Amino acid sequence: MILEAAILNVRPGQERAFEAAFAEARPLIAASPGFRGLSVRPCIAQAGRYLLLVEWDSLEDHTKGFRMSERYRKWRALLHHFYEPFPTVEHFGESIV
């Protein structure tokens, strides 16, 4: 299992629109082969900041399967204009504890 993690900094005043767009975009990623689940959590200390965690069966399920799909193009159109700056995505392996 791979854990994808990103800090999403949403443009000020766009939080509600982002959350609505994310609800619309969620089925796009959920339909991807290898998708296990996700969570998006708002930061308590900083308005407009969210933590995105996505679980995948493999790295390729995310980087090739989802990112090279038509679903990703729709995802990008729904969400990418909210971010400032654009997030860095990292991938992590299995828990060591």
N, C-alpha and C. Protein backbone atom coordinates (compact mmCIF):
# COMPACT_ATOMS: atom_id res chain seq x y z
N MET A 1 0.84 -1.18 0.00
CA MET A 1 0.00 0.00 0.00
C MET A 1 0.89 1.24 0.00
N ILE A 2 0.49 2.23 -0.76
CA ILE A 2 1.19 3.50 -0.87
C ILE A 2 0.28 4.60 -0.33
N LEU A 3 0.88 5.53 0.40
CA LEU A 3 0.14 6.68 0.90
C LEU A 3 0.63 7.92 0.17
N GLU A 4 -0.27 8.57 -0.54
CA GLU A 4 0.00 9.84 -1.21
C GLU A 4 -0.38 10.94 -0.23
N ALA A 5 0.48 11.95 -0.09
CA ALA A 5 0.22 13.04 0.84
C ALA A 5 0.52 14.38 0.17
N ALA A 6 -0.34 15.36 0.42
CA ALA A 6 -0.12 16.71 -0.11
C ALA A 6 -0.77 17.72 0.82
N ILE A 7 -0.11 18.85 0.99
CA ILE A 7 -0.70 20.00 1.67
C ILE A 7 -1.31 20.87 0.58
N LEU A 8 -2.61 21.13 0.70
CA LEU A 8 -3.34 21.93 -0.28
C LEU A 8 -3.60 23.30 0.32
N ASN A 9 -2.97 24.32 -0.22
CA ASN A 9 -3.21 25.70 0.20
C ASN A 9 -4.20 26.32 -0.78
N VAL A 10 -5.40 26.57 -0.29
CA VAL A 10 -6.49 27.09 -1.11
C VAL A 10 -6.50 28.62 -1.04
N ARG A 11 -6.73 29.23 -2.17
CA ARG A 11 -6.77 30.70 -2.24
C ARG A 11 -7.75 31.26 -1.20
N PRO A 12 -7.38 32.34 -0.53
CA PRO A 12 -8.26 32.92 0.50
C PRO A 12 -9.67 33.19 -0.02
N GLY A 13 -10.65 32.82 0.79
CA GLY A 13 -12.05 33.04 0.44
C GLY A 13 -12.65 31.98 -0.45
N GLN A 14 -11.85 31.00 -0.88
CA GLN A 14 -12.32 29.97 -1.79
C GLN A 14 -12.57 28.62 -1.11
N GLU A 15 -12.50 28.59 0.21
CA GLU A 15 -12.59 27.33 0.94
C GLU A 15 -13.90 26.59 0.67
N ARG A 16 -15.01 27.24 0.75
CA ARG A 16 -16.30 26.56 0.54
C ARG A 16 -16.44 26.06 -0.90
N ALA A 17 -16.02 26.88 -1.84
CA ALA A 17 -16.08 26.46 -3.25
C ALA A 17 -15.15 25.27 -3.48
N PHE A 18 -13.97 25.29 -2.85
CA PHE A 18 -13.04 24.16 -2.96
C PHE A 18 -13.67 22.89 -2.40
N GLU A 19 -14.25 22.99 -1.22
CA GLU A 19 -14.86 21.82 -0.60
C GLU A 19 -15.99 21.25 -1.46
N ALA A 20 -16.78 22.11 -2.06
CA ALA A 20 -17.86 21.65 -2.95
C ALA A 20 -17.27 20.99 -4.19
N ALA A 21 -16.24 21.58 -4.76
CA ALA A 21 -15.59 21.01 -5.95
C ALA A 21 -14.93 19.68 -5.61
N PHE A 22 -14.36 19.58 -4.41
CA PHE A 22 -13.73 18.32 -4.03
C PHE A 22 -14.78 17.22 -3.90
N ALA A 23 -15.93 17.55 -3.36
CA ALA A 23 -17.01 16.56 -3.26
C ALA A 23 -17.42 16.07 -4.64
N GLU A 24 -17.41 16.97 -5.61
CA GLU A 24 -17.73 16.60 -6.99
C GLU A 24 -16.61 15.76 -7.62
N ALA A 25 -15.37 16.07 -7.27
CA ALA A 25 -14.21 15.38 -7.86
C ALA A 25 -13.94 14.02 -7.22
N ARG A 26 -14.35 13.80 -6.01
CA ARG A 26 -14.02 12.57 -5.29
C ARG A 26 -14.39 11.30 -6.06
N PRO A 27 -15.58 11.20 -6.67
CA PRO A 27 -15.90 9.99 -7.42
C PRO A 27 -14.94 9.71 -8.58
N LEU A 28 -14.30 10.73 -9.11
CA LEU A 28 -13.35 10.54 -10.21
C LEU A 28 -12.14 9.73 -9.75
N ILE A 29 -11.60 10.08 -8.61
CA ILE A 29 -10.44 9.35 -8.10
C ILE A 29 -10.87 8.00 -7.53
N ALA A 30 -12.04 7.96 -6.91
CA ALA A 30 -12.52 6.72 -6.29
C ALA A 30 -12.77 5.63 -7.33
N ALA A 31 -13.02 6.01 -8.56
CA ALA A 31 -13.27 5.04 -9.63
C ALA A 31 -11.97 4.47 -10.22
N SER A 32 -10.84 4.94 -9.74
CA SER A 32 -9.55 4.51 -10.30
C SER A 32 -9.14 3.15 -9.76
N PRO A 33 -8.65 2.27 -10.64
CA PRO A 33 -8.11 0.99 -10.17
C PRO A 33 -6.98 1.24 -9.18
N GLY A 34 -6.97 0.49 -8.11
CA GLY A 34 -5.94 0.61 -7.09
C GLY A 34 -6.24 1.62 -6.01
N PHE A 35 -7.30 2.41 -6.16
CA PHE A 35 -7.68 3.38 -5.14
C PHE A 35 -8.24 2.64 -3.94
N ARG A 36 -7.78 3.01 -2.75
CA ARG A 36 -8.26 2.39 -1.51
C ARG A 36 -9.10 3.33 -0.65
N GLY A 37 -8.78 4.60 -0.68
CA GLY A 37 -9.53 5.55 0.14
C GLY A 37 -8.78 6.86 0.24
N LEU A 38 -9.48 7.88 0.75
CA LEU A 38 -8.83 9.18 0.93
C LEU A 38 -9.46 9.92 2.09
N SER A 39 -8.72 10.91 2.56
CA SER A 39 -9.27 11.87 3.52
C SER A 39 -8.69 13.23 3.19
N VAL A 40 -9.50 14.25 3.41
CA VAL A 40 -9.09 15.64 3.25
C VAL A 40 -9.45 16.32 4.56
N ARG A 41 -8.44 16.86 5.23
CA ARG A 41 -8.67 17.43 6.56
C ARG A 41 -8.28 18.90 6.58
N PRO A 42 -9.18 19.76 7.06
CA PRO A 42 -8.82 21.17 7.17
C PRO A 42 -7.84 21.39 8.32
N CYS A 43 -6.90 22.29 8.12
CA CYS A 43 -5.94 22.64 9.15
C CYS A 43 -6.65 23.46 10.24
N ILE A 44 -6.36 23.15 11.46
CA ILE A 44 -6.96 23.87 12.59
C ILE A 44 -6.30 25.24 12.76
N ALA A 45 -4.99 25.31 12.54
CA ALA A 45 -4.24 26.53 12.81
C ALA A 45 -4.23 27.54 11.67
N GLN A 46 -4.50 27.09 10.44
CA GLN A 46 -4.41 28.00 9.29
C GLN A 46 -5.58 27.80 8.35
N ALA A 47 -6.42 28.80 8.24
CA ALA A 47 -7.56 28.74 7.33
C ALA A 47 -7.07 28.56 5.90
N GLY A 48 -7.80 27.73 5.14
CA GLY A 48 -7.48 27.54 3.74
C GLY A 48 -6.43 26.49 3.48
N ARG A 49 -5.92 25.85 4.51
CA ARG A 49 -4.92 24.78 4.33
C ARG A 49 -5.58 23.44 4.64
N TYR A 50 -5.32 22.45 3.77
CA TYR A 50 -5.91 21.12 3.92
C TYR A 50 -4.81 20.07 3.75
N LEU A 51 -4.99 18.95 4.43
CA LEU A 51 -4.12 17.80 4.26
C LEU A 51 -4.88 16.76 3.46
N LEU A 52 -4.31 16.37 2.32
CA LEU A 52 -4.89 15.32 1.48
C LEU A 52 -4.07 14.06 1.66
N LEU A 53 -4.74 12.97 2.01
CA LEU A 53 -4.12 11.65 2.12
C LEU A 53 -4.91 10.68 1.26
N VAL A 54 -4.22 9.99 0.35
CA VAL A 54 -4.87 9.03 -0.53
C VAL A 54 -4.12 7.72 -0.42
N GLU A 55 -4.85 6.64 -0.24
CA GLU A 55 -4.25 5.31 -0.19
C GLU A 55 -4.43 4.62 -1.54
N TRP A 56 -3.33 4.04 -2.04
CA TRP A 56 -3.29 3.34 -3.32
C TRP A 56 -2.69 1.96 -3.12
N ASP A 57 -3.07 1.02 -3.97
CA ASP A 57 -2.44 -0.30 -3.95
C ASP A 57 -0.97 -0.20 -4.33
N SER A 58 -0.65 0.65 -5.32
CA SER A 58 0.74 0.79 -5.79
C SER A 58 0.98 2.22 -6.26
N LEU A 59 2.24 2.58 -6.35
CA LEU A 59 2.61 3.90 -6.86
C LEU A 59 2.10 4.10 -8.28
N GLU A 60 2.20 3.06 -9.11
CA GLU A 60 1.77 3.15 -10.50
C GLU A 60 0.27 3.37 -10.63
N ASP A 61 -0.51 2.87 -9.67
CA ASP A 61 -1.96 3.13 -9.71
C ASP A 61 -2.24 4.62 -9.68
N HIS A 62 -1.40 5.37 -8.94
CA HIS A 62 -1.58 6.82 -8.89
C HIS A 62 -0.91 7.50 -10.08
N THR A 63 0.40 7.25 -10.25
CA THR A 63 1.18 8.02 -11.22
C THR A 63 0.85 7.70 -12.68
N LYS A 64 0.48 6.46 -12.94
CA LYS A 64 0.15 6.08 -14.31
C LYS A 64 -1.35 5.89 -14.49
N GLY A 65 -1.94 5.09 -13.62
CA GLY A 65 -3.36 4.77 -13.76
C GLY A 65 -4.27 5.98 -13.65
N PHE A 66 -4.12 6.76 -12.58
CA PHE A 66 -4.99 7.93 -12.39
C PHE A 66 -4.48 9.14 -13.15
N ARG A 67 -3.22 9.48 -12.98
CA ARG A 67 -2.70 10.71 -13.57
C ARG A 67 -2.69 10.73 -15.10
N MET A 68 -2.74 9.59 -15.72
CA MET A 68 -2.76 9.55 -17.19
C MET A 68 -4.16 9.25 -17.73
N SER A 69 -5.16 9.40 -16.89
CA SER A 69 -6.53 9.06 -17.29
C SER A 69 -7.35 10.32 -17.60
N GLU A 70 -8.46 10.09 -18.26
CA GLU A 70 -9.42 11.18 -18.51
C GLU A 70 -10.01 11.67 -17.20
N ARG A 71 -10.15 10.78 -16.21
CA ARG A 71 -10.67 11.18 -14.89
C ARG A 71 -9.77 12.25 -14.27
N TYR A 72 -8.45 12.11 -14.44
CA TYR A 72 -7.52 13.09 -13.88
C TYR A 72 -7.68 14.45 -14.57
N ARG A 73 -7.92 14.45 -15.87
CA ARG A 73 -8.13 15.73 -16.57
C ARG A 73 -9.35 16.47 -16.00
N LYS A 74 -10.39 15.71 -15.68
CA LYS A 74 -11.58 16.31 -15.08
C LYS A 74 -11.28 16.78 -13.66
N TRP A 75 -10.55 15.96 -12.90
CA TRP A 75 -10.12 16.30 -11.54
C TRP A 75 -9.35 17.62 -11.55
N ARG A 76 -8.39 17.69 -12.46
CA ARG A 76 -7.55 18.88 -12.58
C ARG A 76 -8.39 20.12 -12.88
N ALA A 77 -9.35 20.01 -13.79
CA ALA A 77 -10.21 21.15 -14.15
C ALA A 77 -11.06 21.60 -12.96
N LEU A 78 -11.49 20.66 -12.14
CA LEU A 78 -12.31 20.99 -10.98
C LEU A 78 -11.51 21.62 -9.85
N LEU A 79 -10.26 21.21 -9.66
CA LEU A 79 -9.55 21.55 -8.42
C LEU A 79 -8.30 22.42 -8.55
N HIS A 80 -7.55 22.29 -9.61
CA HIS A 80 -6.22 22.89 -9.61
C HIS A 80 -6.21 24.42 -9.55
N HIS A 81 -7.25 25.07 -9.98
CA HIS A 81 -7.27 26.53 -9.94
C HIS A 81 -7.44 27.08 -8.52
N PHE A 82 -7.73 26.24 -7.55
CA PHE A 82 -7.89 26.69 -6.16
C PHE A 82 -6.55 26.85 -5.44
N TYR A 83 -5.49 26.23 -5.92
CA TYR A 83 -4.25 26.13 -5.15
C TYR A 83 -3.28 27.28 -5.39
N GLU A 84 -2.72 27.79 -4.29
CA GLU A 84 -1.68 28.82 -4.36
C GLU A 84 -0.83 28.71 -3.11
N PRO A 85 0.39 28.20 -3.22
CA PRO A 85 1.05 27.69 -4.42
C PRO A 85 0.54 26.29 -4.76
N PHE A 86 0.96 25.79 -5.90
CA PHE A 86 0.57 24.45 -6.31
C PHE A 86 1.23 23.45 -5.37
N PRO A 87 0.49 22.43 -4.92
CA PRO A 87 1.02 21.51 -3.91
C PRO A 87 2.10 20.56 -4.46
N THR A 88 2.97 20.17 -3.56
CA THR A 88 3.93 19.10 -3.81
C THR A 88 3.30 17.81 -3.30
N VAL A 89 3.32 16.78 -4.12
CA VAL A 89 2.76 15.48 -3.76
C VAL A 89 3.91 14.54 -3.44
N GLU A 90 3.79 13.83 -2.32
CA GLU A 90 4.80 12.86 -1.93
C GLU A 90 4.13 11.51 -1.72
N HIS A 91 4.91 10.45 -1.87
CA HIS A 91 4.40 9.09 -1.70
C HIS A 91 5.19 8.40 -0.60
N PHE A 92 4.49 7.65 0.25
CA PHE A 92 5.09 6.97 1.39
C PHE A 92 4.73 5.50 1.37
N GLY A 93 5.64 4.68 1.90
CA GLY A 93 5.43 3.24 1.95
C GLY A 93 4.64 2.82 3.19
N GLU A 94 4.74 1.54 3.48
CA GLU A 94 4.02 0.96 4.62
C GLU A 94 4.53 1.54 5.94
N SER A 95 3.67 1.57 6.92
CA SER A 95 4.04 2.02 8.25
C SER A 95 5.11 1.11 8.84
N ILE A 96 6.07 1.69 9.57
CA ILE A 96 7.12 0.89 10.19
C ILE A 96 6.75 0.48 11.61
N VAL A 97 5.64 0.96 12.12
CA VAL A 97 5.19 0.56 13.47
C VAL A 97 3.79 0.00 13.43
